[in-house]
Amino acid sequence: MTRINFKKRTLTLRTSS
């Protein structure tokens, strides 16, 4: 579950940038 959270966080960070 940590990997999915990490991928989701990375996507959110990229979108936020």
PDB file of N, CA and C in Angstrom:
ATOM      1  N   MET A   1       0.858  -1.205   0.000  1.00  0.00           N
ATOM      2  CA  MET A   1       0.000   0.000   0.000  1.00  0.00           C
ATOM      3  C   MET A   1       0.895   1.257   0.000  1.00  0.00           C
ATOM      4  N   THR A   2       2.065   1.109   0.526  1.00  0.00           N
ATOM      5  CA  THR A   2       2.958   2.296   0.562  1.00  0.00           C
ATOM      6  C   THR A   2       3.352   2.698  -0.860  1.00  0.00           C
ATOM      7  N   ARG A   3       3.524   1.716  -1.711  1.00  0.00           N
ATOM      8  CA  ARG A   3       3.970   2.040  -3.115  1.00  0.00           C
ATOM      9  C   ARG A   3       2.854   2.838  -3.808  1.00  0.00           C
ATOM     10  N   ILE A   4       1.639   2.422  -3.634  1.00  0.00           N
ATOM     11  CA  ILE A   4       0.530   3.150  -4.306  1.00  0.00           C
ATOM     12  C   ILE A   4       0.465   4.589  -3.759  1.00  0.00           C
ATOM     13  N   ASN A   5       0.621   4.698  -2.462  1.00  0.00           N
ATOM     14  CA  ASN A   5       0.571   6.044  -1.848  1.00  0.00           C
ATOM     15  C   ASN A   5       1.718   6.892  -2.400  1.00  0.00           C
ATOM     16  N   PHE A   6       2.868   6.278  -2.528  1.00  0.00           N
ATOM     17  CA  PHE A   6       4.045   7.019  -3.026  1.00  0.00           C
ATOM     18  C   PHE A   6       3.783   7.489  -4.467  1.00  0.00           C
ATOM     19  N   LYS A   7       3.239   6.597  -5.269  1.00  0.00           N
ATOM     20  CA  LYS A   7       2.956   6.967  -6.691  1.00  0.00           C
ATOM     21  C   LYS A   7       1.899   8.076  -6.725  1.00  0.00           C
ATOM     22  N   LYS A   8       0.907   7.948  -5.910  1.00  0.00           N
ATOM     23  CA  LYS A   8      -0.173   8.979  -5.900  1.00  0.00           C
ATOM     24  C   LYS A   8       0.409  10.316  -5.432  1.00  0.00           C
ATOM     25  N   ARG A   9       1.289  10.269  -4.467  1.00  0.00           N
ATOM     26  CA  ARG A   9       1.878  11.533  -3.919  1.00  0.00           C
ATOM     27  C   ARG A   9       2.750  12.135  -5.017  1.00  0.00           C
ATOM     28  N   THR A  10       3.491  11.323  -5.696  1.00  0.00           N
ATOM     29  CA  THR A  10       4.382  11.850  -6.760  1.00  0.00           C
ATOM     30  C   THR A  10       3.535  12.500  -7.852  1.00  0.00           C
ATOM     31  N   LEU A  11       2.439  11.871  -8.176  1.00  0.00           N
ATOM     32  CA  LEU A  11       1.563  12.438  -9.229  1.00  0.00           C
ATOM     33  C   LEU A  11       0.984  13.776  -8.754  1.00  0.00           C
ATOM     34  N   THR A  12       0.583  13.808  -7.518  1.00  0.00           N
ATOM     35  CA  THR A  12       0.000  15.057  -6.977  1.00  0.00           C
ATOM     36  C   THR A  12       1.072  16.154  -6.953  1.00  0.00           C
ATOM     37  N   LEU A  13       2.266  15.764  -6.585  1.00  0.00           N
ATOM     38  CA  LEU A  13       3.352  16.764  -6.516  1.00  0.00           C
ATOM     39  C   LEU A  13       3.627  17.302  -7.925  1.00  0.00           C
ATOM     40  N   ARG A  14       3.629  16.406  -8.878  1.00  0.00           N
ATOM     41  CA  ARG A  14       3.944  16.827 -10.297  1.00  0.00           C
ATOM     42  C   ARG A  14       2.810  17.742 -10.767  1.00  0.00           C
ATOM     43  N   THR A  15       1.604  17.422 -10.426  1.00  0.00           N
ATOM     44  CA  THR A  15       0.472  18.256 -10.885  1.00  0.00           C
ATOM     45  C   THR A  15       0.516  19.617 -10.171  1.00  0.00           C
ATOM     46  N   SER A  16       0.898  19.595  -8.927  1.00  0.00           N
ATOM     47  CA  SER A  16       0.943  20.847  -8.139  1.00  0.00           C
ATOM     48  C   SER A  16       2.024  21.759  -8.728  1.00  0.00           C
ATOM     49  N   SER A  17       3.111  21.168  -9.151  1.00  0.00           N
ATOM     50  CA  SER A  17       4.218  21.993  -9.685  1.00  0.00           C
ATOM     51  C   SER A  17       3.666  22.702 -10.878  1.00  0.00           C
TER      52      SER A  17
END
